[in-house]
C-alpha atoms as a PDB file:
ATOM      1  CA  MET A   1       0.000   0.000   0.000  1.00  0.00           C
ATOM      2  CA  THR A   2       1.535   3.301  -1.122  1.00  0.00           C
ATOM      3  CA  THR A   3       0.309   6.819  -0.445  1.00  0.00           C
ATOM      4  CA  THR A   4       1.480   9.454  -2.922  1.00  0.00           C
ATOM      5  CA  PHE A   5       2.017  12.952  -1.588  1.00  0.00           C
ATOM      6  CA  LEU A   6       2.266  15.923  -3.934  1.00  0.00           C
ATOM      7  CA  LEU A   7       4.122  18.535  -1.883  1.00  0.00           C
ATOM      8  CA  VAL A   8       3.229  21.875  -3.444  1.00  0.00           C
ATOM      9  CA  ARG A   9       4.829  25.171  -2.518  1.00  0.00           C
ATOM     10  CA  HIS A  10       2.370  28.051  -2.750  1.00  0.00           C
ATOM     11  CA  ALA A  11       2.597  30.285  -5.799  1.00  0.00           C
ATOM     12  CA  ALA A  12       4.410  33.628  -5.519  1.00  0.00           C
ATOM     13  CA  HIS A  13       3.326  36.697  -3.630  1.00  0.00           C
ATOM     14  CA  ASP A  14       4.406  40.116  -4.908  1.00  0.00           C
ATOM     15  CA  ASN A  15       7.528  40.436  -2.739  1.00  0.00           C
ATOM     16  CA  VAL A  16       9.047  36.943  -2.804  1.00  0.00           C
ATOM     17  CA  GLY A  17      12.763  37.258  -2.044  1.00  0.00           C
ATOM     18  CA  CYS A  18      12.465  40.814  -0.674  1.00  0.00           C
ATOM     19  CA  TYR A  19      11.260  40.201   2.854  1.00  0.00           C
ATOM     20  CA  LEU A  20      10.469  37.334   5.200  1.00  0.00           C
ATOM     21  CA  ALA A  21       6.694  37.010   4.941  1.00  0.00           C
ATOM     22  CA  GLY A  22       6.533  34.192   7.478  1.00  0.00           C
ATOM     23  CA  ARG A  23       3.258  34.385   9.384  1.00  0.00           C
ATOM     24  CA  THR A  24       2.996  38.160   9.016  1.00  0.00           C
ATOM     25  CA  GLY A  25      -0.491  39.390   8.177  1.00  0.00           C
ATOM     26  CA  ASP A  26      -2.249  37.471   5.461  1.00  0.00           C
ATOM     27  CA  VAL A  27      -0.046  37.817   2.391  1.00  0.00           C
ATOM     28  CA  PRO A  28      -2.016  36.962  -0.802  1.00  0.00           C
ATOM     29  CA  LEU A  29      -0.769  35.783  -4.172  1.00  0.00           C
ATOM     30  CA  GLY A  30       0.370  38.511  -6.545  1.00  0.00           C
ATOM     31  CA  ALA A  31      -0.569  38.708 -10.219  1.00  0.00           C
ATOM     32  CA  ALA A  32       2.346  36.465 -11.240  1.00  0.00           C
ATOM     33  CA  GLY A  33       1.419  34.046  -8.460  1.00  0.00           C
ATOM     34  CA  ARG A  34      -2.178  33.797  -9.638  1.00  0.00           C
ATOM     35  CA  GLU A  35      -0.895  32.893 -13.109  1.00  0.00           C
ATOM     36  CA  GLN A  36       1.431  30.297 -11.551  1.00  0.00           C
ATOM     37  CA  ALA A  37      -1.484  28.821  -9.603  1.00  0.00           C
ATOM     38  CA  GLN A  38      -3.491  28.473 -12.826  1.00  0.00           C
ATOM     39  CA  ARG A  39      -0.608  26.693 -14.586  1.00  0.00           C
ATOM     40  CA  LEU A  40      -0.157  24.473 -11.541  1.00  0.00           C
ATOM     41  CA  SER A  41      -3.838  23.563 -11.435  1.00  0.00           C
ATOM     42  CA  ALA A  42      -3.782  22.730 -15.156  1.00  0.00           C
ATOM     43  CA  ARG A  43      -0.773  20.473 -14.536  1.00  0.00           C
ATOM     44  CA  LEU A  44      -2.588  18.632 -11.721  1.00  0.00           C
ATOM     45  CA  SER A  45      -5.950  18.355 -13.484  1.00  0.00           C
ATOM     46  CA  GLY A  46      -6.993  14.744 -14.022  1.00  0.00           C
ATOM     47  CA  GLN A  47      -4.349  13.375 -11.647  1.00  0.00           C
ATOM     48  CA  GLY A  48      -6.799  11.491  -9.426  1.00  0.00           C
ATOM     49  CA  ILE A  49      -6.258  13.667  -6.355  1.00  0.00           C
ATOM     50  CA  ARG A  50      -8.391  12.489  -3.428  1.00  0.00           C
ATOM     51  CA  ALA A  51      -7.655  15.162  -0.792  1.00  0.00           C
ATOM     52  CA  ILE A  52      -6.024  18.579  -0.493  1.00  0.00           C
ATOM     53  CA  TYR A  53      -4.513  19.875   2.739  1.00  0.00           C
ATOM     54  CA  ALA A  54      -3.081  23.376   3.123  1.00  0.00           C
ATOM     55  CA  SER A  55      -1.379  25.717   5.531  1.00  0.00           C
ATOM     56  CA  PRO A  56      -3.680  28.409   6.962  1.00  0.00           C
ATOM     57  CA  ARG A  57      -1.793  31.228   5.178  1.00  0.00           C
ATOM     58  CA  LYS A  58      -3.769  33.058   2.470  1.00  0.00           C
ATOM     59  CA  ARG A  59      -1.168  32.361  -0.239  1.00  0.00           C
ATOM     60  CA  THR A  60      -1.374  28.600   0.381  1.00  0.00           C
ATOM     61  CA  GLN A  61      -5.161  28.641   0.583  1.00  0.00           C
ATOM     62  CA  GLN A  62      -5.423  30.464  -2.754  1.00  0.00           C
ATOM     63  CA  THR A  63      -3.020  27.986  -4.372  1.00  0.00           C
ATOM     64  CA  ALA A  64      -4.929  25.023  -2.918  1.00  0.00           C
ATOM     65  CA  GLU A  65      -8.281  26.437  -4.072  1.00  0.00           C
ATOM     66  CA  ALA A  66      -6.974  26.703  -7.642  1.00  0.00           C
ATOM     67  CA  ILE A  67      -6.017  23.007  -7.527  1.00  0.00           C
ATOM     68  CA  ALA A  68      -9.339  22.008  -5.952  1.00  0.00           C
ATOM     69  CA  ALA A  69     -11.241  23.840  -8.708  1.00  0.00           C
ATOM     70  CA  VAL A  70      -9.937  21.366 -11.319  1.00  0.00           C
ATOM     71  CA  SER A  71     -10.112  18.210  -9.200  1.00  0.00           C
ATOM     72  CA  ASP A  72     -12.849  16.094  -7.641  1.00  0.00           C
ATOM     73  CA  VAL A  73     -12.004  17.505  -4.202  1.00  0.00           C
ATOM     74  CA  SER A  74     -14.777  19.738  -2.869  1.00  0.00           C
ATOM     75  CA  GLU A  75     -13.012  21.071   0.241  1.00  0.00           C
ATOM     76  CA  VAL A  76      -9.498  22.209   1.100  1.00  0.00           C
ATOM     77  CA  LEU A  77      -8.615  20.979   4.587  1.00  0.00           C
ATOM     78  CA  THR A  78      -6.576  23.442   6.630  1.00  0.00           C
ATOM     79  CA  THR A  79      -3.906  22.173   9.023  1.00  0.00           C
ATOM     80  CA  GLU A  80      -1.495  24.013  11.310  1.00  0.00           C
ATOM     81  CA  ALA A  81       1.066  21.247  10.699  1.00  0.00           C
ATOM     82  CA  LEU A  82       1.701  22.701   7.212  1.00  0.00           C
ATOM     83  CA  ASP A  83       1.959  26.301   8.441  1.00  0.00           C
ATOM     84  CA  GLU A  84       4.949  28.464   7.631  1.00  0.00           C
ATOM     85  CA  VAL A  85       7.916  28.394   9.993  1.00  0.00           C
ATOM     86  CA  ASP A  86       7.234  30.540  13.048  1.00  0.00           C
ATOM     87  CA  PHE A  87      10.016  33.072  12.544  1.00  0.00           C
ATOM     88  CA  GLY A  88       8.959  35.033  15.626  1.00  0.00           C
ATOM     89  CA  GLU A  89      10.518  38.515  15.743  1.00  0.00           C
ATOM     90  CA  TRP A  90      12.048  38.093  12.279  1.00  0.00           C
ATOM     91  CA  SER A  91       8.667  37.903  10.498  1.00  0.00           C
ATOM     92  CA  GLY A  92       8.081  40.838   8.150  1.00  0.00           C
ATOM     93  CA  LYS A  93      11.708  42.052   8.128  1.00  0.00           C
ATOM     94  CA  THR A  94      13.575  42.581   4.875  1.00  0.00           C
ATOM     95  CA  PHE A  95      16.434  40.248   4.080  1.00  0.00           C
ATOM     96  CA  ASP A  96      18.805  43.237   4.010  1.00  0.00           C
ATOM     97  CA  VAL A  97      17.971  43.919   7.659  1.00  0.00           C
ATOM     98  CA  LEU A  98      18.106  40.232   8.608  1.00  0.00           C
ATOM     99  CA  ASP A  99      21.517  39.753   6.991  1.00  0.00           C
ATOM    100  CA  GLU A 100      22.935  42.239   9.515  1.00  0.00           C
ATOM    101  CA  ASP A 101      21.707  40.104  12.440  1.00  0.00           C
ATOM    102  CA  PRO A 102      24.303  37.566  13.707  1.00  0.00           C
ATOM    103  CA  HIS A 103      21.514  35.398  15.160  1.00  0.00           C
ATOM    104  CA  TRP A 104      19.899  35.183  11.701  1.00  0.00           C
ATOM    105  CA  ARG A 105      23.225  34.199  10.141  1.00  0.00           C
ATOM    106  CA  ARG A 106      23.740  31.504  12.791  1.00  0.00           C
ATOM    107  CA  TRP A 107      20.182  30.238  12.293  1.00  0.00           C
ATOM    108  CA  ASN A 108      20.875  29.790   8.599  1.00  0.00           C
ATOM    109  CA  ALA A 109      24.153  27.990   9.345  1.00  0.00           C
ATOM    110  CA  VAL A 110      22.770  25.584  11.978  1.00  0.00           C
ATOM    111  CA  ARG A 111      18.999  25.550  11.721  1.00  0.00           C
ATOM    112  CA  SER A 112      18.703  22.265  13.591  1.00  0.00           C
ATOM    113  CA  LEU A 113      20.021  23.891  16.776  1.00  0.00           C
ATOM    114  CA  VAL A 114      19.122  27.583  16.625  1.00  0.00           C
ATOM    115  CA  ARG A 115      15.657  28.862  17.453  1.00  0.00           C
ATOM    116  CA  ALA A 116      14.160  31.914  15.754  1.00  0.00           C
ATOM    117  CA  PRO A 117      13.617  34.575  18.460  1.00  0.00           C
ATOM    118  CA  GLY A 118      10.144  33.866  19.799  1.00  0.00           C
ATOM    119  CA  GLY A 119       9.696  31.147  17.169  1.00  0.00           C
ATOM    120  CA  GLU A 120      10.680  27.618  16.130  1.00  0.00           C
ATOM    121  CA  THR A 121      13.716  25.551  15.254  1.00  0.00           C
ATOM    122  CA  MET A 122      13.677  23.612  11.996  1.00  0.00           C
ATOM    123  CA  LEU A 123      13.452  20.391  14.033  1.00  0.00           C
ATOM    124  CA  ASP A 124      10.173  21.696  15.473  1.00  0.00           C
ATOM    125  CA  VAL A 125       8.946  22.287  11.926  1.00  0.00           C
ATOM    126  CA  GLN A 126      10.158  18.889  10.728  1.00  0.00           C
ATOM    127  CA  SER A 127       8.469  17.111  13.632  1.00  0.00           C
ATOM    128  CA  ARG A 128       5.043  18.566  12.869  1.00  0.00           C
ATOM    129  CA  ALA A 129       5.315  18.168   9.079  1.00  0.00           C
ATOM    130  CA  VAL A 130       6.640  14.596   9.110  1.00  0.00           C
ATOM    131  CA  GLY A 131       4.126  13.658  11.805  1.00  0.00           C
ATOM    132  CA  LEU A 132       1.316  14.887   9.562  1.00  0.00           C
ATOM    133  CA  VAL A 133       2.611  12.947   6.545  1.00  0.00           C
ATOM    134  CA  ALA A 134       2.809   9.735   8.597  1.00  0.00           C
ATOM    135  CA  ALA A 135      -0.728  10.225   9.951  1.00  0.00           C
ATOM    136  CA  LEU A 136      -2.146  10.974   6.491  1.00  0.00           C
ATOM    137  CA  ALA A 137      -0.485   7.879   5.011  1.00  0.00           C
ATOM    138  CA  GLN A 138      -2.444   5.809   7.535  1.00  0.00           C
ATOM    139  CA  ARG A 139      -5.668   7.708   6.839  1.00  0.00           C
ATOM    140  CA  HIS A 140      -5.528   7.768   3.039  1.00  0.00           C
ATOM    141  CA  GLY A 141      -4.059   4.394   2.137  1.00  0.00           C
ATOM    142  CA  GLN A 142      -3.335   4.125  -1.582  1.00  0.00           C
ATOM    143  CA  GLU A 143      -4.625   7.567  -2.462  1.00  0.00           C
ATOM    144  CA  LYS A 144      -2.901  10.549  -4.032  1.00  0.00           C
ATOM    145  CA  ILE A 145      -3.115  13.695  -1.901  1.00  0.00           C
ATOM    146  CA  VAL A 146      -1.853  17.254  -2.201  1.00  0.00           C
ATOM    147  CA  LEU A 147      -0.165  19.148   0.641  1.00  0.00           C
ATOM    148  CA  VAL A 148       0.167  22.893  -0.056  1.00  0.00           C
ATOM    149  CA  SER A 149       2.779  24.467   2.180  1.00  0.00           C
ATOM    150  CA  HIS A 150       5.937  26.596   2.257  1.00  0.00           C
ATOM    151  CA  ALA A 151       9.486  26.077   0.987  1.00  0.00           C
ATOM    152  CA  ASP A 152      11.171  25.417   4.333  1.00  0.00           C
ATOM    153  CA  VAL A 153       8.393  23.109   5.522  1.00  0.00           C
ATOM    154  CA  ILE A 154       8.642  21.031   2.337  1.00  0.00           C
ATOM    155  CA  LYS A 155      12.425  20.990   2.665  1.00  0.00           C
ATOM    156  CA  THR A 156      12.199  19.434   6.126  1.00  0.00           C
ATOM    157  CA  VAL A 157      10.065  16.583   4.772  1.00  0.00           C
ATOM    158  CA  VAL A 158      12.434  16.010   1.839  1.00  0.00           C
ATOM    159  CA  CYS A 159      15.458  16.018   4.173  1.00  0.00           C
ATOM    160  CA  HIS A 160      13.741  13.467   6.421  1.00  0.00           C
ATOM    161  CA  VAL A 161      12.882  11.127   3.542  1.00  0.00           C
ATOM    162  CA  LEU A 162      16.438  11.354   2.160  1.00  0.00           C
ATOM    163  CA  GLY A 163      18.001  10.799   5.596  1.00  0.00           C
ATOM    164  CA  LEU A 164      19.632  14.229   5.557  1.00  0.00           C
ATOM    165  CA  SER A 165      20.062  16.620   8.442  1.00  0.00           C
ATOM    166  CA  ALA A 166      17.668  19.562   8.551  1.00  0.00           C
ATOM    167  CA  ASP A 167      20.831  21.628   8.002  1.00  0.00           C
ATOM    168  CA  ALA A 168      21.005  20.290   4.415  1.00  0.00           C
ATOM    169  CA  TRP A 169      18.227  22.720   3.383  1.00  0.00           C
ATOM    170  CA  PRO A 170      20.462  24.913   1.120  1.00  0.00           C
ATOM    171  CA  ARG A 171      21.435  21.935  -1.072  1.00  0.00           C
ATOM    172  CA  PHE A 172      18.227  22.015  -3.128  1.00  0.00           C
ATOM    173  CA  ASP A 173      15.525  24.485  -4.130  1.00  0.00           C
ATOM    174  CA  ILE A 174      11.772  24.446  -3.661  1.00  0.00           C
ATOM    175  CA  ALA A 175      10.470  27.110  -6.052  1.00  0.00           C
ATOM    176  CA  PRO A 176       7.087  28.866  -5.863  1.00  0.00           C
ATOM    177  CA  ALA A 177       4.341  26.707  -7.424  1.00  0.00           C
ATOM    178  CA  SER A 178       6.666  23.691  -7.601  1.00  0.00           C
ATOM    179  CA  ILE A 179       5.668  20.072  -7.007  1.00  0.00           C
ATOM    180  CA  SER A 180       7.780  17.487  -5.186  1.00  0.00           C
ATOM    181  CA  VAL A 181       6.369  13.960  -5.045  1.00  0.00           C
ATOM    182  CA  VAL A 182       6.896  11.558  -2.137  1.00  0.00           C
ATOM    183  CA  ALA A 183       5.688   7.951  -2.040  1.00  0.00           C
ATOM    184  CA  MET A 184       5.202   6.363   1.383  1.00  0.00           C
ATOM    185  CA  GLY A 185       4.305   2.803   2.324  1.00  0.00           C
ATOM    186  CA  ASP A 186       5.056   0.070   4.834  1.00  0.00           C
ATOM    187  CA  TRP A 187       8.419  -0.304   3.101  1.00  0.00           C
ATOM    188  CA  GLY A 188       9.428   3.304   3.878  1.00  0.00           C
ATOM    189  CA  ALA A 189       9.404   6.460   1.770  1.00  0.00           C
ATOM    190  CA  LYS A 190      11.146   7.801  -1.310  1.00  0.00           C
ATOM    191  CA  ILE A 191      11.291  10.965  -3.392  1.00  0.00           C
ATOM    192  CA  LEU A 192       9.845  10.477  -6.878  1.00  0.00           C
ATOM    193  CA  THR A 193      10.352  14.039  -8.164  1.00  0.00           C
ATOM    194  CA  LEU A 194      11.850  17.166  -6.635  1.00  0.00           C
ATOM    195  CA  ASN A 195      11.030  20.806  -7.333  1.00  0.00           C
ATOM    196  CA  GLU A 196       9.142  20.175 -10.575  1.00  0.00           C
ATOM    197  CA  TYR A 197       8.177  23.629 -11.784  1.00  0.00           C
ATOM    198  CA  VAL A 198       5.349  24.312 -14.228  1.00  0.00           C
END
């Protein structure tokens, strides 16, 4: 029995790469992101998706709704386990400002050990994300399901499946509106595709 997980990063918001959106406000998709979400939904149309789970952030919800609109799934299920990393005091700051912070630089060097101020470590994130995937594999059996989340959250799942430390996150990319496919069964788990961009 194998469950197939399509790990989807939300499509782009207007300021991707400029500031750390994190859990700040309710950042929606920008115009380019809405186009990405449409291409993504076209790519996933007819794929036999049986369930869609998403982070509570607006950008993930909008991406998930675009996928649901072309599938047989009537409801997007929201789960905190797929939420963005809790960056605490760093949320909403520009990367120029963050790059001046020695704590931020250390966090990026050793994410498995360093906690965001008032937030999480990457091991916290990995624990909740991997726990969700394991629970959903039991619930959904041989179905194909979509999980719409955020780059760092998806990276923690990929690192876990590949047996890599959470500190291996810079070794691969998870682009906006990309799909990474994980198969999980009683035999274990494996990555089928990584960062497939449409």
